[in-house]
Amino acid sequence: MKEKQIITKEGFIYQAISGFYYVWSEGHSYATKPKGKFRHQQVKPLVGDHVEIEIDLDDSQSESRLVTIFPRKNSLVRPPVANVDDAFIVMSLVEPDFSYNLLDYFLVSIESHQIEPIILLTKYDLLVKSMGEATAESKVKEIKDVYQKIGYQVIVKNEISAFAEEIESVVNKDAIYIVMGQSGVGKSTLLNDLLPKADIATGEISDYLNRGRHTTREVTLYRLYQGLLADTPGFSAIDFPQIEKEALSQYFPEIWRKSAECRFRGCLHQNEPNCAVKEAVETGEIATSRYENYSQILQKIEQRKPVYRKKEK
């Protein structure tokens, strides 16, 4: 009996539909089903996963087998995607009003997943209309001064559609990008504007998925310039279940850098003596809003109910 010709390839999952995982490898799309071991291990493949698949060369009609999921850099619940590198955080200046508090919550959440944030500020024209050009310009300068000083990229536009020009220069690396922000800021509009410009070089969905069966699709990665963009906006609610209070300052880069000068190694920058962070706040080196939001998140973490894990038998 002729032995099956099985070859293996590496690629990444770009789409998940009704239990099928579509893998892009060496310029081709493969419909795959995961091996049963993942179900027994309670591991669910995610869009963005770097994987290894097996292909049966003797049967071109059969789906390939997803046999290995390589270690993830990170994974998100919303959108359900792994190995995210960068996030566009969309914040409006008005309607809804800009919030330092909300932006810092987003930034901490992103930083804790090792994701690089890019801040997009929208509706500048409405801000000018509501408070006058001089005041609006001053407000935007204040915001940019706070976050650019830390090292974050901040882009300001009137219309969501105007970001497309800027984003082409930003998406200059082979990376996975997501769009996130609160309701009403234009996340979906931005995605709709960007995705028609994307090169959807992903192949056709297999015929056997289109025979009247109900299909559910979670998220798809589309090629956009040099990177890949998830077509589903993320993060409507923010929590920090994985962050311990001793690690929080790591996700405020300017606080983390300054904490090296604190008298105590485990300084939480609250009531400790000779705290370099609090001194930097007093001199204006660290923005008051950033320190206050750090302290607020720290308090939430300290008040968090402990999670007790069951002991293994």
Protein backbone atom coordinates (compact mmCIF):
# COMPACT_ATOMS: atom_id res chain seq x y z
CA MET A 1 0.00 0.00 0.00
CA LYS A 2 1.35 3.39 -1.04
CA GLU A 3 2.38 5.54 1.89
CA LYS A 4 0.68 8.94 2.15
CA GLN A 5 2.75 11.93 1.09
CA ILE A 6 2.46 14.32 4.01
CA ILE A 7 4.42 17.56 4.12
CA THR A 8 4.55 20.23 6.83
CA LYS A 9 4.49 24.01 6.41
CA GLU A 10 4.60 26.96 8.78
CA GLY A 11 2.29 29.94 8.50
CA PHE A 12 -0.19 32.06 10.44
CA ILE A 13 -3.94 31.81 10.97
CA TYR A 14 -5.63 34.75 9.24
CA GLN A 15 -9.27 33.69 9.62
CA ALA A 16 -11.44 31.39 11.75
CA ILE A 17 -14.83 30.18 10.47
CA SER A 18 -17.03 27.54 12.09
CA GLY A 19 -14.17 25.41 13.40
CA PHE A 20 -12.00 25.82 10.30
CA TYR A 21 -8.77 27.80 10.55
CA TYR A 22 -7.40 29.40 7.41
CA VAL A 23 -3.63 29.48 7.34
CA TRP A 24 -1.52 31.67 5.06
CA SER A 25 1.77 29.99 4.16
CA GLU A 26 4.25 30.69 1.35
CA GLY A 27 1.75 32.68 -0.68
CA HIS A 28 -1.12 30.19 -0.38
CA SER A 29 -4.21 29.75 1.79
CA TYR A 30 -4.97 26.40 3.45
CA ALA A 31 -8.21 25.38 5.17
CA THR A 32 -7.22 23.46 8.29
CA LYS A 33 -8.79 21.57 11.15
CA PRO A 34 -6.89 21.36 14.45
CA LYS A 35 -5.80 17.98 15.79
CA GLY A 36 -7.85 16.58 18.65
CA LYS A 37 -5.01 17.09 21.12
CA PHE A 38 -5.79 20.83 21.29
CA ARG A 39 -9.34 20.14 22.45
CA HIS A 40 -8.06 17.75 25.13
CA GLN A 41 -5.50 20.33 26.23
CA GLN A 42 -8.24 23.00 26.21
CA VAL A 43 -6.20 25.11 23.79
CA LYS A 44 -8.13 27.01 21.15
CA PRO A 45 -6.27 28.23 18.06
CA LEU A 46 -6.54 31.99 17.51
CA VAL A 47 -6.29 34.22 14.50
CA GLY A 48 -2.72 35.52 14.51
CA ASP A 49 -1.24 32.25 15.79
CA HIS A 50 2.03 31.12 14.21
CA VAL A 51 1.33 27.48 13.39
CA GLU A 52 2.56 24.35 11.67
CA ILE A 53 0.23 22.40 9.39
CA GLU A 54 0.31 19.01 7.65
CA ILE A 55 -0.78 18.79 4.02
CA ASP A 56 -1.79 15.57 2.23
CA LEU A 57 -0.28 15.82 -1.25
CA ASP A 58 -2.35 12.83 -2.47
CA ASP A 59 -5.72 14.42 -1.63
CA SER A 60 -6.02 18.06 -2.68
CA GLN A 61 -9.70 18.13 -1.62
CA SER A 62 -9.07 17.27 2.05
CA GLU A 63 -8.46 19.96 4.62
CA SER A 64 -5.00 20.20 6.11
CA ARG A 65 -4.29 19.41 9.75
CA LEU A 66 -3.17 22.07 12.21
CA VAL A 67 -0.58 20.22 14.29
CA THR A 68 1.44 22.84 16.21
CA ILE A 69 0.70 26.24 17.74
CA PHE A 70 3.97 28.00 18.47
CA PRO A 71 4.32 30.06 21.70
CA ARG A 72 2.34 33.31 21.65
CA LYS A 73 3.64 36.78 22.38
CA ASN A 74 0.19 37.65 23.73
CA SER A 75 -3.50 36.91 23.22
CA LEU A 76 -6.60 39.08 23.51
CA VAL A 77 -10.24 38.23 24.24
CA ARG A 78 -11.70 41.10 22.26
CA PRO A 79 -10.86 40.89 19.46
CA PRO A 80 -9.89 37.19 19.79
CA VAL A 81 -6.45 37.46 18.21
CA ALA A 82 -2.91 36.46 19.16
CA ASN A 83 0.54 37.95 18.65
CA VAL A 84 -0.65 41.56 18.34
CA ASP A 85 2.23 44.01 17.87
CA ASP A 86 0.60 47.46 17.58
CA ALA A 87 -2.73 49.08 18.50
CA PHE A 88 -4.36 52.22 17.13
CA ILE A 89 -6.10 53.80 20.12
CA VAL A 90 -8.84 56.07 18.76
CA MET A 91 -9.78 58.93 21.11
CA SER A 92 -12.11 61.77 20.21
CA LEU A 93 -11.44 65.30 21.47
CA VAL A 94 -15.20 65.98 21.81
CA GLU A 95 -18.43 63.98 21.54
CA PRO A 96 -17.34 62.08 23.62
CA ASP A 97 -14.93 64.44 25.36
CA PHE A 98 -11.27 63.50 25.63
CA SER A 99 -10.38 61.70 28.86
CA TYR A 100 -6.83 61.39 30.17
CA ASN A 101 -8.13 58.75 32.56
CA LEU A 102 -9.61 56.54 29.84
CA LEU A 103 -6.59 56.89 27.57
CA ASP A 104 -4.25 55.87 30.40
CA TYR A 105 -6.44 52.83 31.12
CA PHE A 106 -6.17 51.82 27.46
CA LEU A 107 -2.42 52.39 27.47
CA VAL A 108 -1.85 50.28 30.59
CA SER A 109 -3.94 47.46 29.16
CA ILE A 110 -2.01 47.61 25.88
CA GLU A 111 1.39 47.89 27.56
CA SER A 112 0.62 44.90 29.80
CA HIS A 113 0.16 42.79 26.65
CA GLN A 114 3.46 43.99 25.17
CA ILE A 115 1.64 45.91 22.45
CA GLU A 116 2.94 49.20 21.03
CA PRO A 117 0.25 51.94 21.12
CA ILE A 118 -0.35 54.63 18.49
CA ILE A 119 -2.76 57.37 19.65
CA LEU A 120 -5.24 58.80 17.14
CA LEU A 121 -7.10 61.98 18.22
CA THR A 122 -10.24 62.76 16.21
CA LYS A 123 -12.76 65.61 15.77
CA TYR A 124 -10.34 68.51 16.07
CA ASP A 125 -12.66 70.63 13.91
CA LEU A 126 -15.50 70.10 16.40
CA LEU A 127 -13.19 71.05 19.25
CA VAL A 128 -12.36 74.33 17.46
CA LYS A 129 -16.06 74.94 16.89
CA SER A 130 -16.90 74.40 20.57
CA MET A 131 -14.10 76.41 22.23
CA GLY A 132 -12.36 78.50 19.59
CA GLU A 133 -9.16 77.88 17.67
CA ALA A 134 -6.68 79.24 20.24
CA THR A 135 -8.12 77.23 23.15
CA ALA A 136 -8.47 74.10 21.02
CA GLU A 137 -4.90 74.38 19.82
CA SER A 138 -3.70 74.80 23.40
CA LYS A 139 -5.65 71.75 24.57
CA VAL A 140 -4.26 69.52 21.82
CA LYS A 141 -0.73 70.78 22.50
CA GLU A 142 -1.15 69.90 26.17
CA ILE A 143 -2.26 66.35 25.29
CA LYS A 144 0.53 65.86 22.78
CA ASP A 145 3.13 67.24 25.20
CA VAL A 146 2.13 64.70 27.85
CA TYR A 147 2.22 61.62 25.61
CA GLN A 148 4.93 62.49 23.11
CA LYS A 149 7.26 63.26 26.00
CA ILE A 150 6.75 59.70 27.21
CA GLY A 151 7.56 58.37 23.74
CA TYR A 152 4.10 57.67 22.30
CA GLN A 153 3.14 58.61 18.76
CA VAL A 154 0.15 61.00 18.62
CA ILE A 155 -1.71 61.80 15.37
CA VAL A 156 -4.45 64.47 15.23
CA LYS A 157 -7.07 64.76 12.44
CA ASN A 158 -10.50 66.26 11.84
CA GLU A 159 -12.03 63.30 10.03
CA ILE A 160 -11.47 59.58 10.59
CA SER A 161 -10.88 59.12 6.86
CA ALA A 162 -7.92 61.53 6.98
CA PHE A 163 -5.94 59.04 9.08
CA ALA A 164 -5.45 56.76 6.07
CA GLU A 165 -2.61 58.93 4.75
CA GLU A 166 -0.78 58.92 8.09
CA ILE A 167 -1.37 55.23 8.72
CA GLU A 168 0.36 54.22 5.49
CA SER A 169 3.61 55.65 6.87
CA VAL A 170 3.02 54.14 10.32
CA VAL A 171 2.30 50.59 9.08
CA ASN A 172 5.82 50.14 7.81
CA LYS A 173 6.66 46.74 9.31
CA ASP A 174 5.45 43.17 9.14
CA ALA A 175 3.25 43.24 12.25
CA ILE A 176 -0.31 42.61 13.46
CA TYR A 177 -2.36 45.74 14.18
CA ILE A 178 -5.70 46.24 15.94
CA VAL A 179 -8.02 49.25 16.36
CA MET A 180 -9.47 50.01 19.78
CA GLY A 181 -11.26 52.77 21.67
CA GLN A 182 -14.52 53.70 23.38
CA SER A 183 -17.91 53.78 21.64
CA GLY A 184 -18.66 56.70 19.36
CA VAL A 185 -15.09 57.63 18.44
CA GLY A 186 -15.12 56.12 14.95
CA LYS A 187 -13.37 52.73 15.28
CA SER A 188 -15.64 50.97 12.79
CA THR A 189 -15.48 53.92 10.39
CA LEU A 190 -11.69 53.79 10.47
CA LEU A 191 -11.68 50.04 9.77
CA ASN A 192 -14.16 50.43 6.90
CA ASP A 193 -11.99 53.18 5.44
CA LEU A 194 -8.77 51.20 5.70
CA LEU A 195 -9.91 47.74 4.65
CA PRO A 196 -11.07 48.58 1.10
CA LYS A 197 -7.48 49.70 0.55
CA ALA A 198 -6.16 46.39 1.87
CA ASP A 199 -4.78 43.70 -0.38
CA ILE A 200 -6.93 40.72 0.60
CA ALA A 201 -4.59 38.13 -0.88
CA THR A 202 -6.07 35.22 1.04
CA GLY A 203 -7.74 32.88 -1.46
CA GLU A 204 -11.31 31.69 -1.73
CA ILE A 205 -13.31 30.15 1.08
CA SER A 206 -13.63 26.41 0.43
CA ASP A 207 -16.78 25.20 -1.30
CA TYR A 208 -17.75 22.85 1.50
CA LEU A 209 -18.28 25.84 3.80
CA ASN A 210 -20.87 27.34 1.47
CA ARG A 211 -23.36 24.51 1.15
CA GLY A 212 -26.13 26.09 3.16
CA ARG A 213 -24.51 25.51 6.54
CA HIS A 214 -24.51 28.27 9.13
CA THR A 215 -21.08 29.86 9.44
CA THR A 216 -19.72 32.05 12.21
CA ARG A 217 -16.67 34.23 11.68
CA GLU A 218 -14.84 35.83 14.59
CA VAL A 219 -12.08 37.99 13.14
CA THR A 220 -10.01 38.20 9.96
CA LEU A 221 -6.54 39.59 9.35
CA TYR A 222 -6.19 41.59 6.15
CA ARG A 223 -2.98 42.69 4.51
CA LEU A 224 -2.57 46.45 4.94
CA TYR A 225 0.59 48.02 3.55
CA GLN A 226 3.45 46.16 5.27
CA GLY A 227 1.33 44.76 8.12
CA LEU A 228 -1.86 42.85 8.94
CA LEU A 229 -4.99 44.52 10.31
CA ALA A 230 -7.73 42.82 12.34
CA ASP A 231 -11.15 43.75 10.94
CA THR A 232 -12.90 43.75 14.34
CA PRO A 233 -12.51 46.64 16.80
CA GLY A 234 -11.47 45.74 20.33
CA PHE A 235 -11.59 46.63 24.02
CA SER A 236 -14.92 48.04 25.15
CA ALA A 237 -14.34 47.23 28.82
CA ILE A 238 -10.96 47.30 30.52
CA ASP A 239 -9.78 45.31 33.48
CA PHE A 240 -6.35 44.41 34.79
CA PRO A 241 -6.74 40.91 36.23
CA GLN A 242 -3.20 39.88 35.29
CA ILE A 243 -1.35 42.91 36.68
CA GLU A 244 0.14 42.82 40.18
CA LYS A 245 0.57 46.10 42.05
CA GLU A 246 4.37 45.75 42.15
CA ALA A 247 4.43 45.54 38.34
CA LEU A 248 2.02 48.39 37.54
CA SER A 249 4.69 51.08 37.18
CA GLN A 250 6.25 49.08 34.32
CA TYR A 251 3.25 50.06 32.20
CA PHE A 252 3.77 53.77 32.86
CA PRO A 253 7.13 54.15 31.05
CA GLU A 254 8.06 57.51 32.58
CA ILE A 255 7.21 56.31 36.12
CA TRP A 256 9.13 53.09 35.55
CA ARG A 257 12.23 54.97 34.40
CA LYS A 258 12.10 57.37 37.36
CA SER A 259 11.43 54.63 39.93
CA ALA A 260 15.05 53.49 39.57
CA GLU A 261 15.95 56.60 41.61
CA CYS A 262 13.55 55.83 44.49
CA ARG A 263 15.06 55.04 47.89
CA PHE A 264 13.19 51.73 48.19
CA ARG A 265 13.35 49.09 45.47
CA GLY A 266 9.70 48.10 45.90
CA CYS A 267 8.44 51.69 46.10
CA LEU A 268 4.79 52.04 45.04
CA HIS A 269 5.15 55.84 44.91
CA GLN A 270 2.41 56.52 47.44
CA ASN A 271 3.53 57.24 51.01
CA GLU A 272 7.15 56.08 50.88
CA PRO A 273 9.89 58.59 51.82
CA ASN A 274 12.43 59.80 49.25
CA CYS A 275 10.23 58.80 46.33
CA ALA A 276 11.77 60.09 43.09
CA VAL A 277 8.47 59.66 41.23
CA LYS A 278 6.52 61.95 43.55
CA GLU A 279 9.32 64.51 43.36
CA ALA A 280 9.15 64.34 39.55
CA VAL A 281 5.40 64.99 39.71
CA GLU A 282 5.98 68.05 41.88
CA THR A 283 8.54 69.47 39.43
CA GLY A 284 6.39 68.74 36.39
CA GLU A 285 8.72 66.11 34.96
CA ILE A 286 5.88 63.58 35.25
CA ALA A 287 2.35 64.79 34.38
CA THR A 288 -0.02 65.03 37.35
CA SER A 289 -2.79 63.32 35.35
CA ARG A 290 -0.52 60.33 34.69
CA TYR A 291 0.45 59.99 38.34
CA GLU A 292 -3.17 60.32 39.51
CA ASN A 293 -4.31 57.65 37.05
CA TYR A 294 -1.45 55.38 38.13
CA SER A 295 -2.58 55.78 41.75
CA GLN A 296 -6.20 55.11 40.84
CA ILE A 297 -5.36 51.90 38.99
CA LEU A 298 -3.07 50.85 41.85
CA GLN A 299 -5.98 51.28 44.26
CA LYS A 300 -8.23 49.14 42.04
CA ILE A 301 -5.61 46.39 41.97
CA GLU A 302 -5.20 46.52 45.76
CA GLN A 303 -8.99 46.23 46.20
CA ARG A 304 -9.29 43.36 43.72
CA LYS A 305 -10.66 40.17 45.19
CA PRO A 306 -8.06 37.38 45.29
CA VAL A 307 -8.53 34.46 42.92
CA TYR A 308 -8.02 31.11 44.59
CA ARG A 309 -6.92 28.26 42.34
CA LYS A 310 -7.96 24.69 43.09
CA LYS A 311 -5.13 22.50 44.20
CA GLU A 312 -4.24 19.73 41.76
CA LYS A 313 -4.90 16.29 43.12
